[in-house]
């Protein structure tokens, strides 16, 4: 680790996109009421944490899908008419390692 990294690990482009998306959600939550803000921050934190544990970092196609989905949700959240977020629980067999 050289002096340019300040002792930190360099992030990949995809990792930077994920962090940018996360910060975008937190910024968007600031524009909502205090109650909605807490709910949004809690939901976003839980979703990112869950995906960080369940999704294989090398499954780039699925990570890109989650990024696209997150960007669409962020666009909706930035709308003044949107109050909060919701989630749909779905299981995708493609995220697991098939035995074929």
C-alpha atoms as a PDB file:
ATOM      1  CA  UNK A   1       0.000   0.000   0.000  1.00  0.00           C
ATOM      2  CA  UNK A   2       1.570   3.199  -1.163  1.00  0.00           C
ATOM      3  CA  UNK A   3       1.130   6.711   0.084  1.00  0.00           C
ATOM      4  CA  UNK A   4      -1.512   7.427  -2.555  1.00  0.00           C
ATOM      5  CA  UNK A   5      -3.968   5.005  -0.926  1.00  0.00           C
ATOM      6  CA  UNK A   6      -3.489   6.378   2.579  1.00  0.00           C
ATOM      7  CA  UNK A   7      -3.130   2.854   3.980  1.00  0.00           C
ATOM      8  CA  UNK A   8      -6.530   1.778   2.678  1.00  0.00           C
ATOM      9  CA  UNK A   9      -7.358  -0.905   0.161  1.00  0.00           C
ATOM     10  CA  UNK A  10      -8.204   0.413  -3.277  1.00  0.00           C
ATOM     11  CA  UNK A  11     -11.809  -0.178  -4.267  1.00  0.00           C
ATOM     12  CA  UNK A  12     -12.872  -1.642  -7.586  1.00  0.00           C
ATOM     13  CA  UNK A  13     -15.157   0.326  -9.891  1.00  0.00           C
ATOM     14  CA  UNK A  14     -18.129  -1.806  -8.903  1.00  0.00           C
ATOM     15  CA  UNK A  15     -17.435  -1.325  -5.193  1.00  0.00           C
ATOM     16  CA  UNK A  16     -17.330   2.440  -5.758  1.00  0.00           C
ATOM     17  CA  UNK A  17     -20.693   2.232  -7.549  1.00  0.00           C
ATOM     18  CA  UNK A  18     -22.214   0.334  -4.615  1.00  0.00           C
ATOM     19  CA  UNK A  19     -20.912   2.878  -2.096  1.00  0.00           C
ATOM     20  CA  UNK A  20     -22.126   5.772  -4.265  1.00  0.00           C
ATOM     21  CA  UNK A  21     -25.575   4.171  -4.444  1.00  0.00           C
ATOM     22  CA  UNK A  22     -25.641   3.648  -0.660  1.00  0.00           C
ATOM     23  CA  UNK A  23     -24.669   7.276  -0.004  1.00  0.00           C
ATOM     24  CA  UNK A  24     -27.291   8.373  -2.541  1.00  0.00           C
ATOM     25  CA  UNK A  25     -29.991   6.568  -0.573  1.00  0.00           C
ATOM     26  CA  UNK A  26     -28.857   8.197   2.667  1.00  0.00           C
ATOM     27  CA  UNK A  27     -28.875  11.638   1.028  1.00  0.00           C
ATOM     28  CA  UNK A  28     -32.349  11.042  -0.416  1.00  0.00           C
ATOM     29  CA  UNK A  29     -33.600   9.967   3.010  1.00  0.00           C
ATOM     30  CA  UNK A  30     -32.609  13.374   4.406  1.00  0.00           C
ATOM     31  CA  UNK A  31     -35.299  15.023   2.301  1.00  0.00           C
ATOM     32  CA  UNK A  32     -38.080  12.964   3.917  1.00  0.00           C
ATOM     33  CA  UNK A  33     -39.808  13.397   7.275  1.00  0.00           C
ATOM     34  CA  UNK A  34     -37.812  12.277  10.358  1.00  0.00           C
ATOM     35  CA  UNK A  35     -39.965   9.159  10.790  1.00  0.00           C
ATOM     36  CA  UNK A  36     -39.678   8.203   7.116  1.00  0.00           C
ATOM     37  CA  UNK A  37     -35.973   9.007   7.166  1.00  0.00           C
ATOM     38  CA  UNK A  38     -35.322   6.524   9.999  1.00  0.00           C
ATOM     39  CA  UNK A  39     -37.387   3.870   8.222  1.00  0.00           C
ATOM     40  CA  UNK A  40     -35.580   4.416   4.913  1.00  0.00           C
ATOM     41  CA  UNK A  41     -32.126   4.416   6.528  1.00  0.00           C
ATOM     42  CA  UNK A  42     -32.951   1.224   8.420  1.00  0.00           C
ATOM     43  CA  UNK A  43     -34.334  -0.491   5.312  1.00  0.00           C
ATOM     44  CA  UNK A  44     -31.404   0.553   3.101  1.00  0.00           C
ATOM     45  CA  UNK A  45     -28.841  -0.499   5.688  1.00  0.00           C
ATOM     46  CA  UNK A  46     -30.497  -3.901   6.136  1.00  0.00           C
ATOM     47  CA  UNK A  47     -30.765  -4.491   2.359  1.00  0.00           C
ATOM     48  CA  UNK A  48     -27.125  -3.603   1.673  1.00  0.00           C
ATOM     49  CA  UNK A  49     -25.942  -5.684   4.638  1.00  0.00           C
ATOM     50  CA  UNK A  50     -28.081  -8.662   3.584  1.00  0.00           C
ATOM     51  CA  UNK A  51     -26.821  -8.499   0.000  1.00  0.00           C
ATOM     52  CA  UNK A  52     -23.209  -8.137   1.146  1.00  0.00           C
ATOM     53  CA  UNK A  53     -23.530 -11.420   3.029  1.00  0.00           C
ATOM     54  CA  UNK A  54     -25.657 -13.387   0.550  1.00  0.00           C
ATOM     55  CA  UNK A  55     -24.352 -12.327  -2.865  1.00  0.00           C
ATOM     56  CA  UNK A  56     -21.061 -13.696  -4.148  1.00  0.00           C
ATOM     57  CA  UNK A  57     -18.808 -10.733  -5.006  1.00  0.00           C
ATOM     58  CA  UNK A  58     -17.667 -12.529  -8.137  1.00  0.00           C
ATOM     59  CA  UNK A  59     -21.213 -12.837  -9.471  1.00  0.00           C
ATOM     60  CA  UNK A  60     -20.821  -9.607 -11.456  1.00  0.00           C
ATOM     61  CA  UNK A  61     -23.996 -10.056 -13.482  1.00  0.00           C
ATOM     62  CA  UNK A  62     -26.152 -10.286 -10.367  1.00  0.00           C
ATOM     63  CA  UNK A  63     -24.316  -7.404  -8.666  1.00  0.00           C
ATOM     64  CA  UNK A  64     -24.885  -5.275 -11.783  1.00  0.00           C
ATOM     65  CA  UNK A  65     -28.568  -6.242 -11.699  1.00  0.00           C
ATOM     66  CA  UNK A  66     -28.795  -5.147  -8.055  1.00  0.00           C
ATOM     67  CA  UNK A  67     -27.067  -1.861  -8.920  1.00  0.00           C
ATOM     68  CA  UNK A  68     -29.553  -1.175 -11.739  1.00  0.00           C
ATOM     69  CA  UNK A  69     -32.477  -2.051  -9.487  1.00  0.00           C
ATOM     70  CA  UNK A  70     -31.094   0.140  -6.721  1.00  0.00           C
ATOM     71  CA  UNK A  71     -30.623   3.089  -9.073  1.00  0.00           C
ATOM     72  CA  UNK A  72     -34.256   2.805 -10.169  1.00  0.00           C
ATOM     73  CA  UNK A  73     -35.390   2.691  -6.536  1.00  0.00           C
ATOM     74  CA  UNK A  74     -33.224   5.719  -5.764  1.00  0.00           C
ATOM     75  CA  UNK A  75     -34.785   7.654  -8.645  1.00  0.00           C
ATOM     76  CA  UNK A  76     -38.225   6.845  -7.236  1.00  0.00           C
ATOM     77  CA  UNK A  77     -37.157   7.814  -3.716  1.00  0.00           C
ATOM     78  CA  UNK A  78     -35.839  11.170  -4.969  1.00  0.00           C
ATOM     79  CA  UNK A  79     -39.331  11.979  -6.228  1.00  0.00           C
ATOM     80  CA  UNK A  80     -41.082  14.401  -3.868  1.00  0.00           C
ATOM     81  CA  UNK A  81     -44.217  12.218  -3.978  1.00  0.00           C
ATOM     82  CA  UNK A  82     -42.407   9.139  -2.657  1.00  0.00           C
ATOM     83  CA  UNK A  83     -42.528   8.652   1.085  1.00  0.00           C
ATOM     84  CA  UNK A  84     -40.646   5.377   1.648  1.00  0.00           C
ATOM     85  CA  UNK A  85     -39.366   2.119   0.212  1.00  0.00           C
ATOM     86  CA  UNK A  86     -40.665  -1.416   0.234  1.00  0.00           C
ATOM     87  CA  UNK A  87     -39.148  -4.741  -0.645  1.00  0.00           C
ATOM     88  CA  UNK A  88     -40.260  -7.841  -2.449  1.00  0.00           C
ATOM     89  CA  UNK A  89     -38.672 -11.039  -1.207  1.00  0.00           C
ATOM     90  CA  UNK A  90     -37.771 -13.290  -4.090  1.00  0.00           C
ATOM     91  CA  UNK A  91     -35.411 -16.212  -4.355  1.00  0.00           C
ATOM     92  CA  UNK A  92     -33.352 -16.492  -7.504  1.00  0.00           C
ATOM     93  CA  UNK A  93     -31.808 -19.877  -8.114  1.00  0.00           C
ATOM     94  CA  UNK A  94     -29.202 -18.186 -10.341  1.00  0.00           C
ATOM     95  CA  UNK A  95     -27.626 -16.643  -7.228  1.00  0.00           C
ATOM     96  CA  UNK A  96     -26.833 -20.072  -5.841  1.00  0.00           C
ATOM     97  CA  UNK A  97     -24.211 -22.368  -7.277  1.00  0.00           C
ATOM     98  CA  UNK A  98     -26.030 -24.875  -9.505  1.00  0.00           C
ATOM     99  CA  UNK A  99     -24.721 -28.436  -9.457  1.00  0.00           C
ATOM    100  CA  UNK A 100     -25.043 -28.855 -13.258  1.00  0.00           C
END
